[in-house]
Protein backbone atom coordinates (compact mmCIF):
# COMPACT_ATOMS: atom_id res chain seq x y z
CA MET A 1 -6.57 -18.11 17.75
CA LYS A 2 -8.60 -17.28 14.64
CA ALA A 3 -7.57 -14.61 12.13
CA LEU A 4 -9.47 -13.46 9.06
CA VAL A 5 -7.88 -11.74 6.06
CA ILE A 6 -10.50 -9.67 4.24
CA ILE A 7 -9.77 -9.15 0.55
CA PRO A 8 -12.18 -6.89 -1.39
CA THR A 9 -12.24 -7.63 -5.11
CA TYR A 10 -13.48 -6.23 -8.38
CA ASN A 11 -12.07 -7.85 -11.52
CA GLU A 12 -9.18 -9.64 -9.81
CA ALA A 13 -9.44 -12.98 -11.65
CA GLU A 14 -5.75 -12.76 -12.58
CA ASN A 15 -4.66 -12.50 -8.95
CA ILE A 16 -7.23 -14.00 -6.62
CA SER A 17 -6.26 -17.67 -6.70
CA ASN A 18 -2.57 -17.00 -6.09
CA ILE A 19 -3.12 -14.43 -3.34
CA ILE A 20 -5.43 -16.81 -1.46
CA ASP A 21 -2.87 -19.60 -1.65
CA GLU A 22 -0.09 -17.31 -0.47
CA VAL A 23 -2.09 -16.01 2.48
CA LEU A 24 -3.22 -19.42 3.69
CA SER A 25 0.31 -20.79 3.48
CA LYS A 26 1.60 -18.31 6.05
CA ASP A 27 -0.12 -19.65 9.16
CA GLU A 28 -2.73 -22.27 10.02
CA CYS A 29 -4.77 -19.73 11.99
CA LEU A 30 -5.38 -17.59 8.88
CA GLU A 31 -8.62 -17.74 6.92
CA VAL A 32 -9.65 -15.64 3.93
CA LEU A 33 -12.87 -13.78 3.20
CA VAL A 34 -13.21 -12.46 -0.35
CA VAL A 35 -15.80 -9.69 -0.67
CA ASP A 36 -16.48 -9.51 -4.40
CA ASP A 37 -18.51 -6.75 -6.06
CA ASN A 38 -20.02 -9.01 -8.73
CA SER A 39 -16.87 -8.88 -10.87
CA PRO A 40 -17.70 -9.42 -14.55
CA ASP A 41 -14.39 -11.25 -15.04
CA GLY A 42 -15.56 -14.17 -12.88
CA THR A 43 -13.48 -13.54 -9.77
CA SER A 44 -16.15 -15.01 -7.49
CA ASN A 45 -16.38 -18.17 -9.63
CA ILE A 46 -12.70 -18.83 -9.05
CA VAL A 47 -13.15 -18.40 -5.30
CA GLU A 48 -16.18 -20.72 -5.28
CA LYS A 49 -14.14 -23.49 -6.90
CA LYS A 50 -11.34 -23.07 -4.38
CA GLN A 51 -13.87 -23.22 -1.54
CA GLU A 52 -14.82 -26.76 -2.52
CA ASN A 53 -11.50 -28.06 -1.20
CA ASN A 54 -10.72 -25.65 1.62
CA ILE A 55 -12.94 -24.65 4.55
CA ARG A 56 -10.62 -21.72 5.33
CA ILE A 57 -11.86 -19.84 2.26
CA HIS A 58 -15.03 -17.74 2.52
CA LEU A 59 -16.87 -15.67 -0.08
CA HIS A 60 -19.39 -12.86 0.05
CA THR A 61 -20.63 -11.75 -3.38
CA ARG A 62 -22.44 -8.43 -3.61
CA LYS A 63 -24.91 -7.47 -6.33
CA LYS A 64 -22.87 -4.62 -7.81
CA LYS A 65 -19.78 -2.46 -7.35
CA LEU A 66 -20.39 -0.77 -4.00
CA GLY A 67 -16.97 0.43 -2.94
CA LEU A 68 -13.99 -0.40 -0.76
CA GLY A 69 -15.22 0.94 2.56
CA SER A 70 -18.55 -0.84 2.54
CA ALA A 71 -16.80 -4.05 1.50
CA TYR A 72 -14.56 -3.87 4.56
CA VAL A 73 -17.49 -3.01 6.83
CA GLU A 74 -19.34 -6.11 5.66
CA GLY A 75 -16.17 -8.11 6.18
CA PHE A 76 -15.76 -6.74 9.70
CA LYS A 77 -19.32 -7.68 10.57
CA TYR A 78 -18.73 -11.19 9.24
CA ALA A 79 -15.56 -11.50 11.31
CA LEU A 80 -17.27 -10.38 14.52
CA LYS A 81 -20.26 -12.62 13.93
CA ASN A 82 -17.96 -15.61 13.47
CA ASN A 83 -15.75 -14.76 16.46
CA PHE A 84 -12.42 -14.11 14.75
CA ASP A 85 -9.80 -12.73 17.13
CA TYR A 86 -7.82 -10.72 14.57
CA ILE A 87 -9.00 -9.13 11.35
CA PHE A 88 -6.77 -8.09 8.48
CA GLU A 89 -7.30 -5.76 5.53
CA MET A 90 -5.32 -6.66 2.43
CA ASP A 91 -5.32 -5.98 -1.32
CA ALA A 92 -5.75 -8.77 -3.85
CA ASP A 93 -3.08 -7.59 -6.29
CA PHE A 94 0.12 -8.51 -4.39
CA SER A 95 0.92 -4.87 -3.64
CA HIS A 96 0.86 -6.12 -0.03
CA ASN A 97 3.36 -8.91 0.60
CA PRO A 98 1.66 -11.83 2.41
CA VAL A 99 4.90 -12.53 4.30
CA VAL A 100 4.17 -9.44 6.44
CA LEU A 101 1.07 -11.14 7.84
CA ILE A 102 3.34 -13.17 10.12
CA GLU A 103 4.92 -10.05 11.61
CA MET A 104 1.51 -8.43 12.01
CA LEU A 105 0.23 -11.47 13.91
CA LYS A 106 3.15 -11.13 16.28
CA GLU A 107 2.78 -7.37 16.80
CA ILE A 108 -0.99 -7.42 17.29
CA GLN A 109 -0.52 -9.43 20.49
CA ASN A 110 0.54 -6.20 22.24
CA HIS A 111 -1.37 -3.60 20.22
CA ASP A 112 -4.89 -2.83 19.02
CA LEU A 113 -4.13 -1.84 15.42
CA ILE A 114 -1.13 -2.61 13.25
CA ILE A 115 -0.62 -0.53 10.09
CA GLY A 116 1.71 -1.57 7.28
CA SER A 117 3.37 1.76 6.54
CA ARG A 118 4.95 2.81 3.26
CA TYR A 119 6.38 5.99 4.77
CA ILE A 120 7.65 5.20 8.26
CA ASN A 121 11.20 4.56 7.04
CA GLY A 122 11.46 6.95 4.11
CA ILE A 123 9.38 6.11 1.03
CA ASN A 124 9.07 2.39 0.25
CA VAL A 125 6.98 2.23 -2.90
CA VAL A 126 7.93 0.31 -6.05
CA ASN A 127 6.68 0.87 -9.62
CA TRP A 128 4.47 3.89 -8.96
CA PRO A 129 4.62 6.88 -11.35
CA LEU A 130 6.30 9.86 -9.69
CA ARG A 131 3.07 11.90 -9.82
CA ARG A 132 1.10 9.29 -7.89
CA LEU A 133 3.90 8.82 -5.39
CA ILE A 134 4.07 12.54 -4.66
CA LEU A 135 0.27 12.74 -4.39
CA SER A 136 0.14 9.87 -1.89
CA PHE A 137 3.01 11.20 0.22
CA LEU A 138 1.59 14.72 0.34
CA ALA A 139 -1.83 13.29 1.21
CA SER A 140 -0.33 11.70 4.32
CA LYS A 141 1.09 15.06 5.37
CA TYR A 142 -2.24 16.76 4.64
CA VAL A 143 -4.12 14.28 6.84
CA HIS A 144 -1.62 14.71 9.66
CA PHE A 145 -1.88 18.51 9.48
CA ILE A 146 -5.68 18.53 9.78
CA THR A 147 -6.32 15.62 12.14
CA CYS A 148 -3.08 15.74 14.18
CA MET A 149 -2.91 11.93 14.06
CA PRO A 150 0.70 10.76 14.56
CA ILE A 151 0.41 8.23 11.72
CA ASN A 152 2.87 8.31 8.83
CA ASP A 153 0.71 6.38 6.36
CA PRO A 154 -2.97 7.09 7.16
CA THR A 155 -4.25 5.74 3.82
CA SER A 156 -2.51 2.37 4.02
CA GLY A 157 -4.82 -0.55 3.29
CA PHE A 158 -2.65 -3.23 4.89
CA LYS A 159 -3.79 -3.55 8.51
CA CYS A 160 -4.59 -5.84 11.40
CA PHE A 161 -7.23 -5.12 14.06
CA ARG A 162 -8.01 -6.80 17.33
CA LYS A 163 -11.68 -7.79 17.35
CA GLU A 164 -12.27 -5.68 20.48
CA VAL A 165 -11.41 -2.56 18.48
CA LEU A 166 -14.08 -3.24 15.88
CA GLU A 167 -16.59 -4.19 18.57
CA ASN A 168 -16.18 -0.71 20.06
CA ILE A 169 -16.81 1.15 16.80
CA ASN A 170 -20.31 1.58 15.43
CA LEU A 171 -19.61 0.31 11.92
CA ASP A 172 -22.94 1.67 10.69
CA ASP A 173 -21.69 5.21 11.43
CA ILE A 174 -18.75 5.01 9.01
CA LEU A 175 -18.96 7.91 6.54
CA SER A 176 -16.25 7.06 4.02
CA ASP A 177 -16.00 4.54 1.24
CA GLY A 178 -12.87 5.00 -0.86
CA TYR A 179 -9.32 5.32 0.47
CA SER A 180 -10.64 7.86 2.97
CA PHE A 181 -12.19 4.87 4.72
CA GLN A 182 -8.70 4.04 5.97
CA ILE A 183 -8.26 7.56 7.32
CA GLU A 184 -11.59 7.46 9.11
CA MET A 185 -10.98 4.10 10.77
CA ASN A 186 -7.56 5.26 11.98
CA TYR A 187 -9.04 8.51 13.29
CA ARG A 188 -11.83 6.82 15.22
CA ILE A 189 -9.38 4.37 16.78
CA TRP A 190 -6.84 7.08 17.61
CA LEU A 191 -9.53 9.18 19.32
CA LYS A 192 -10.24 6.23 21.59
CA LYS A 193 -6.55 6.34 22.64
CA LEU A 194 -5.99 2.74 21.59
CA ARG A 195 -2.58 1.25 20.87
CA ILE A 196 -1.60 1.83 17.24
CA LYS A 197 1.71 0.70 15.77
CA GLU A 198 3.08 1.18 12.27
CA ILE A 199 5.50 -1.34 10.85
CA PRO A 200 7.49 -0.74 7.66
CA ILE A 201 6.43 -2.45 4.46
CA VAL A 202 7.48 -2.24 0.83
CA PHE A 203 4.47 -1.48 -1.34
CA THR A 204 4.81 -2.87 -4.87
CA ASP A 205 2.32 -1.73 -7.49
CA ARG A 206 -0.01 -4.47 -8.73
CA ARG A 207 1.40 -7.37 -10.74
CA SER A 208 -1.59 -7.45 -13.07
CA GLY A 209 -5.06 -5.97 -13.51
CA HIS A 210 -6.01 -2.30 -13.24
CA SER A 211 -5.87 0.24 -10.44
CA LYS A 212 -9.19 1.26 -8.86
CA MET A 213 -7.99 4.80 -8.07
CA SER A 214 -10.24 7.58 -9.45
CA LYS A 215 -10.72 11.34 -9.14
CA LYS A 216 -13.86 10.72 -7.08
CA ILE A 217 -11.86 8.73 -4.53
CA VAL A 218 -9.27 11.51 -4.29
CA ARG A 219 -11.94 14.19 -3.80
CA GLU A 220 -13.61 12.18 -1.05
CA ALA A 221 -10.30 11.85 0.78
CA ILE A 222 -9.64 15.60 0.56
CA PHE A 223 -12.94 16.58 2.16
CA ILE A 224 -13.54 13.75 4.61
CA VAL A 225 -10.69 14.82 6.90
CA TRP A 226 -12.35 18.20 7.43
CA LYS A 227 -15.67 16.54 8.14
CA LEU A 228 -14.12 14.15 10.64
CA ARG A 229 -12.31 17.00 12.40
CA PHE A 230 -15.54 19.04 12.56
CA LEU A 231 -17.53 16.12 13.97
CA HIS A 232 -14.87 15.53 16.60
CA LEU A 233 -14.90 19.19 17.67
CA LYS A 234 -18.70 18.93 17.97
CA GLY A 235 -18.33 15.84 20.15
CA LYS A 236 -20.08 13.59 17.63
CA ILE A 237 -17.21 11.13 17.23
């Protein structure tokens, strides 16, 4: 069994070394791929040094900041090319607890997609401002209303896919790039009637560094759900 944890980065020098160590300590089958958008703080340099002593660490450095969705797509393609059985999405900033990877590995044996959900058992978010918490929670309700997906946390970025799921999605057709990328991937998988399971997680805002959230990302998420719904009604997805 081979499992790849994809970690997109931009200016995560304060976190990247520790998060890699934590992930790799959880199970021998886990490997890490860092997809770095040419971070000016030297994130990729740190990963390169760690690679020298550990073959389970992989690095893909891009020429500039290209966005979350495209980073994951490149990571997915790498995982499929190198025959990984399970593929994880995970943040670099410790907002996702690496301990949950063990539970995800167990649950993915009987499902196609596991989602770490902040909202399946109430609201489990720590250290977020009230405004952002309300925005995120209402966004999940908004997505459910338009798409009808029975997913409590459609924008969660802590996930595990079976490789067969990604093999059956044309990754070059993905429309989204910001947090709406998570919505789109869930929607495409749900439309295929695959087995999706949410498990509860506690999301803790980043230990250090700066959030990548922006108004552009929020706007994209608002409009992409309508586009996805329209394309589905037209039979194009």
